[in-house]
């Protein structure tokens, strides 16, 4: 594999990881909010 292709794959994985982290944090915040409303 070319080094450029490898670098692109790494960047893609990092971006995907950041997006996943962002959405899981958002979901966690919404779940906590929902949990407080239920109590």
PDB file of N, CA and C in Angstrom:
ATOM      1  N   UNK A   1       0.842  -1.193   0.000  1.00  0.00           N
ATOM      2  CA  UNK A   1       0.000   0.000   0.000  1.00  0.00           C
ATOM      3  C   UNK A   1       0.884   1.252   0.000  1.00  0.00           C
ATOM      4  N   UNK A   2       0.470   2.270  -0.714  1.00  0.00           N
ATOM      5  CA  UNK A   2       1.237   3.509  -0.729  1.00  0.00           C
ATOM      6  C   UNK A   2       1.107   4.237   0.600  1.00  0.00           C
ATOM      7  N   UNK A   3       2.115   5.038   0.918  1.00  0.00           N
ATOM      8  CA  UNK A   3       2.091   5.756   2.199  1.00  0.00           C
ATOM      9  C   UNK A   3       0.936   6.763   2.237  1.00  0.00           C
ATOM     10  N   UNK A   4       0.588   7.309   1.061  1.00  0.00           N
ATOM     11  CA  UNK A   4      -0.512   8.272   0.993  1.00  0.00           C
ATOM     12  C   UNK A   4      -1.835   7.578   1.324  1.00  0.00           C
ATOM     13  N   UNK A   5      -2.031   6.388   0.773  1.00  0.00           N
ATOM     14  CA  UNK A   5      -3.247   5.625   1.047  1.00  0.00           C
ATOM     15  C   UNK A   5      -3.344   5.248   2.509  1.00  0.00           C
ATOM     16  N   UNK A   6      -2.192   4.905   3.090  1.00  0.00           N
ATOM     17  CA  UNK A   6      -2.148   4.541   4.506  1.00  0.00           C
ATOM     18  C   UNK A   6      -2.510   5.746   5.373  1.00  0.00           C
ATOM     19  N   UNK A   7      -1.935   6.903   5.051  1.00  0.00           N
ATOM     20  CA  UNK A   7      -2.210   8.125   5.811  1.00  0.00           C
ATOM     21  C   UNK A   7      -3.693   8.471   5.723  1.00  0.00           C
ATOM     22  N   UNK A   8      -4.274   8.339   4.554  1.00  0.00           N
ATOM     23  CA  UNK A   8      -5.689   8.641   4.368  1.00  0.00           C
ATOM     24  C   UNK A   8      -6.554   7.722   5.225  1.00  0.00           C
ATOM     25  N   UNK A   9      -6.173   6.444   5.275  1.00  0.00           N
ATOM     26  CA  UNK A   9      -6.932   5.466   6.062  1.00  0.00           C
ATOM     27  C   UNK A   9      -6.876   5.812   7.551  1.00  0.00           C
ATOM     28  N   UNK A  10      -5.698   6.231   8.019  1.00  0.00           N
ATOM     29  CA  UNK A  10      -5.531   6.620   9.422  1.00  0.00           C
ATOM     30  C   UNK A  10      -6.410   7.832   9.739  1.00  0.00           C
ATOM     31  N   UNK A  11      -6.354   8.842   8.869  1.00  0.00           N
ATOM     32  CA  UNK A  11      -7.172  10.052   9.065  1.00  0.00           C
ATOM     33  C   UNK A  11      -8.653   9.677   9.101  1.00  0.00           C
ATOM     34  N   UNK A  12      -9.071   8.798   8.197  1.00  0.00           N
ATOM     35  CA  UNK A  12     -10.464   8.371   8.128  1.00  0.00           C
ATOM     36  C   UNK A  12     -10.884   7.694   9.438  1.00  0.00           C
ATOM     37  N   UNK A  13     -10.013   6.824   9.977  1.00  0.00           N
ATOM     38  CA  UNK A  13     -10.307   6.124  11.232  1.00  0.00           C
ATOM     39  C   UNK A  13     -10.415   7.104  12.399  1.00  0.00           C
ATOM     40  N   UNK A  14      -9.497   8.086  12.426  1.00  0.00           N
ATOM     41  CA  UNK A  14      -9.510   9.086  13.503  1.00  0.00           C
ATOM     42  C   UNK A  14     -10.801   9.899  13.446  1.00  0.00           C
ATOM     43  N   UNK A  15     -11.160  10.343  12.249  1.00  0.00           N
ATOM     44  CA  UNK A  15     -12.389  11.129  12.086  1.00  0.00           C
ATOM     45  C   UNK A  15     -13.610  10.310  12.486  1.00  0.00           C
ATOM     46  N   UNK A  16     -13.651   9.053  12.061  1.00  0.00           N
ATOM     47  CA  UNK A  16     -14.768   8.177  12.407  1.00  0.00           C
ATOM     48  C   UNK A  16     -14.842   8.007  13.921  1.00  0.00           C
ATOM     49  N   UNK A  17     -13.682   7.868  14.554  1.00  0.00           N
ATOM     50  CA  UNK A  17     -13.642   7.728  16.004  1.00  0.00           C
ATOM     51  C   UNK A  17     -14.145   8.970  16.705  1.00  0.00           C
ATOM     52  N   UNK A  18     -13.778  10.143  16.196  1.00  0.00           N
ATOM     53  CA  UNK A  18     -14.230  11.394  16.805  1.00  0.00           C
ATOM     54  C   UNK A  18     -15.730  11.550  16.665  1.00  0.00           C
ATOM     55  N   UNK A  19     -16.269  11.202  15.493  1.00  0.00           N
ATOM     56  CA  UNK A  19     -17.707  11.293  15.259  1.00  0.00           C
ATOM     57  C   UNK A  19     -18.437  10.346  16.200  1.00  0.00           C
ATOM     58  N   UNK A  20     -17.917   9.127  16.344  1.00  0.00           N
ATOM     59  CA  UNK A  20     -18.528   8.134  17.223  1.00  0.00           C
ATOM     60  C   UNK A  20     -18.520   8.628  18.667  1.00  0.00           C
ATOM     61  N   UNK A  21     -17.374   9.176  19.096  1.00  0.00           N
ATOM     62  CA  UNK A  21     -17.268   9.698  20.461  1.00  0.00           C
ATOM     63  C   UNK A  21     -18.265  10.828  20.679  1.00  0.00           C
ATOM     64  N   UNK A  22     -18.384  11.720  19.687  1.00  0.00           N
ATOM     65  CA  UNK A  22     -19.307  12.850  19.780  1.00  0.00           C
ATOM     66  C   UNK A  22     -20.736  12.351  19.950  1.00  0.00           C
ATOM     67  N   UNK A  23     -21.139  11.397  19.116  1.00  0.00           N
ATOM     68  CA  UNK A  23     -22.512  10.893  19.189  1.00  0.00           C
ATOM     69  C   UNK A  23     -22.777  10.116  20.461  1.00  0.00           C
ATOM     70  N   UNK A  24     -21.794   9.325  20.938  1.00  0.00           N
ATOM     71  CA  UNK A  24     -22.004   8.562  22.173  1.00  0.00           C
ATOM     72  C   UNK A  24     -22.087   9.501  23.372  1.00  0.00           C
ATOM     73  N   UNK A  25     -21.293  10.580  23.369  1.00  0.00           N
ATOM     74  CA  UNK A  25     -21.384  11.577  24.440  1.00  0.00           C
ATOM     75  C   UNK A  25     -22.735  12.261  24.420  1.00  0.00           C
ATOM     76  N   UNK A  26     -23.206  12.615  23.230  1.00  0.00           N
ATOM     77  CA  UNK A  26     -24.501  13.275  23.066  1.00  0.00           C
ATOM     78  C   UNK A  26     -25.617  12.351  23.553  1.00  0.00           C
ATOM     79  N   UNK A  27     -25.542  11.082  23.187  1.00  0.00           N
ATOM     80  CA  UNK A  27     -26.549  10.106  23.604  1.00  0.00           C
ATOM     81  C   UNK A  27     -26.537   9.947  25.119  1.00  0.00           C
ATOM     82  N   UNK A  28     -25.348   9.925  25.709  1.00  0.00           N
ATOM     83  CA  UNK A  28     -25.204   9.782  27.160  1.00  0.00           C
ATOM     84  C   UNK A  28     -25.832  10.978  27.870  1.00  0.00           C
ATOM     85  N   UNK A  29     -25.592  12.188  27.352  1.00  0.00           N
ATOM     86  CA  UNK A  29     -26.180  13.389  27.939  1.00  0.00           C
ATOM     87  C   UNK A  29     -27.698  13.338  27.855  1.00  0.00           C
ATOM     88  N   UNK A  30     -28.227  12.933  26.709  1.00  0.00           N
ATOM     89  CA  UNK A  30     -29.671  12.843  26.538  1.00  0.00           C
ATOM     90  C   UNK A  30     -30.263  11.789  27.456  1.00  0.00           C
ATOM     91  N   UNK A  31     -29.553  10.670  27.636  1.00  0.00           N
ATOM     92  CA  UNK A  31     -30.022   9.612  28.515  1.00  0.00           C
ATOM     93  C   UNK A  31     -30.055  10.090  29.964  1.00  0.00           C
ATOM     94  N   UNK A  32     -29.023  10.817  30.392  1.00  0.00           N
ATOM     95  CA  UNK A  32     -28.992  11.353  31.749  1.00  0.00           C
ATOM     96  C   UNK A  32     -30.143  12.321  31.969  1.00  0.00           C
ATOM     97  N   UNK A  33     -30.392  13.173  30.981  1.00  0.00           N
ATOM     98  CA  UNK A  33     -31.490  14.135  31.048  1.00  0.00           C
ATOM     99  C   UNK A  33     -32.816  13.387  31.186  1.00  0.00           C
ATOM    100  N   UNK A  34     -33.013  12.370  30.363  1.00  0.00           N
ATOM    101  CA  UNK A  34     -34.218  11.548  30.399  1.00  0.00           C
ATOM    102  C   UNK A  34     -34.362  10.881  31.764  1.00  0.00           C
ATOM    103  N   UNK A  35     -33.239  10.391  32.300  1.00  0.00           N
ATOM    104  CA  UNK A  35     -33.237   9.713  33.595  1.00  0.00           C
ATOM    105  C   UNK A  35     -33.693  10.659  34.700  1.00  0.00           C
ATOM    106  N   UNK A  36     -33.240  11.912  34.660  1.00  0.00           N
ATOM    107  CA  UNK A  36     -33.636  12.895  35.678  1.00  0.00           C
ATOM    108  C   UNK A  36     -35.126  13.225  35.557  1.00  0.00           C
ATOM    109  N   UNK A  37     -35.623  13.286  34.331  1.00  0.00           N
ATOM    110  CA  UNK A  37     -37.043  13.575  34.102  1.00  0.00           C
ATOM    111  C   UNK A  37     -37.908  12.438  34.652  1.00  0.00           C
ATOM    112  N   UNK A  38     -37.457  11.199  34.492  1.00  0.00           N
ATOM    113  CA  UNK A  38     -38.229  10.041  34.951  1.00  0.00           C
ATOM    114  C   UNK A  38     -38.365  10.004  36.475  1.00  0.00           C
ATOM    115  N   UNK A  39     -37.370  10.502  37.200  1.00  0.00           N
ATOM    116  CA  UNK A  39     -37.366  10.392  38.663  1.00  0.00           C
ATOM    117  C   UNK A  39     -38.348  11.326  39.341  1.00  0.00           C
TER     118      UNK A  39
END
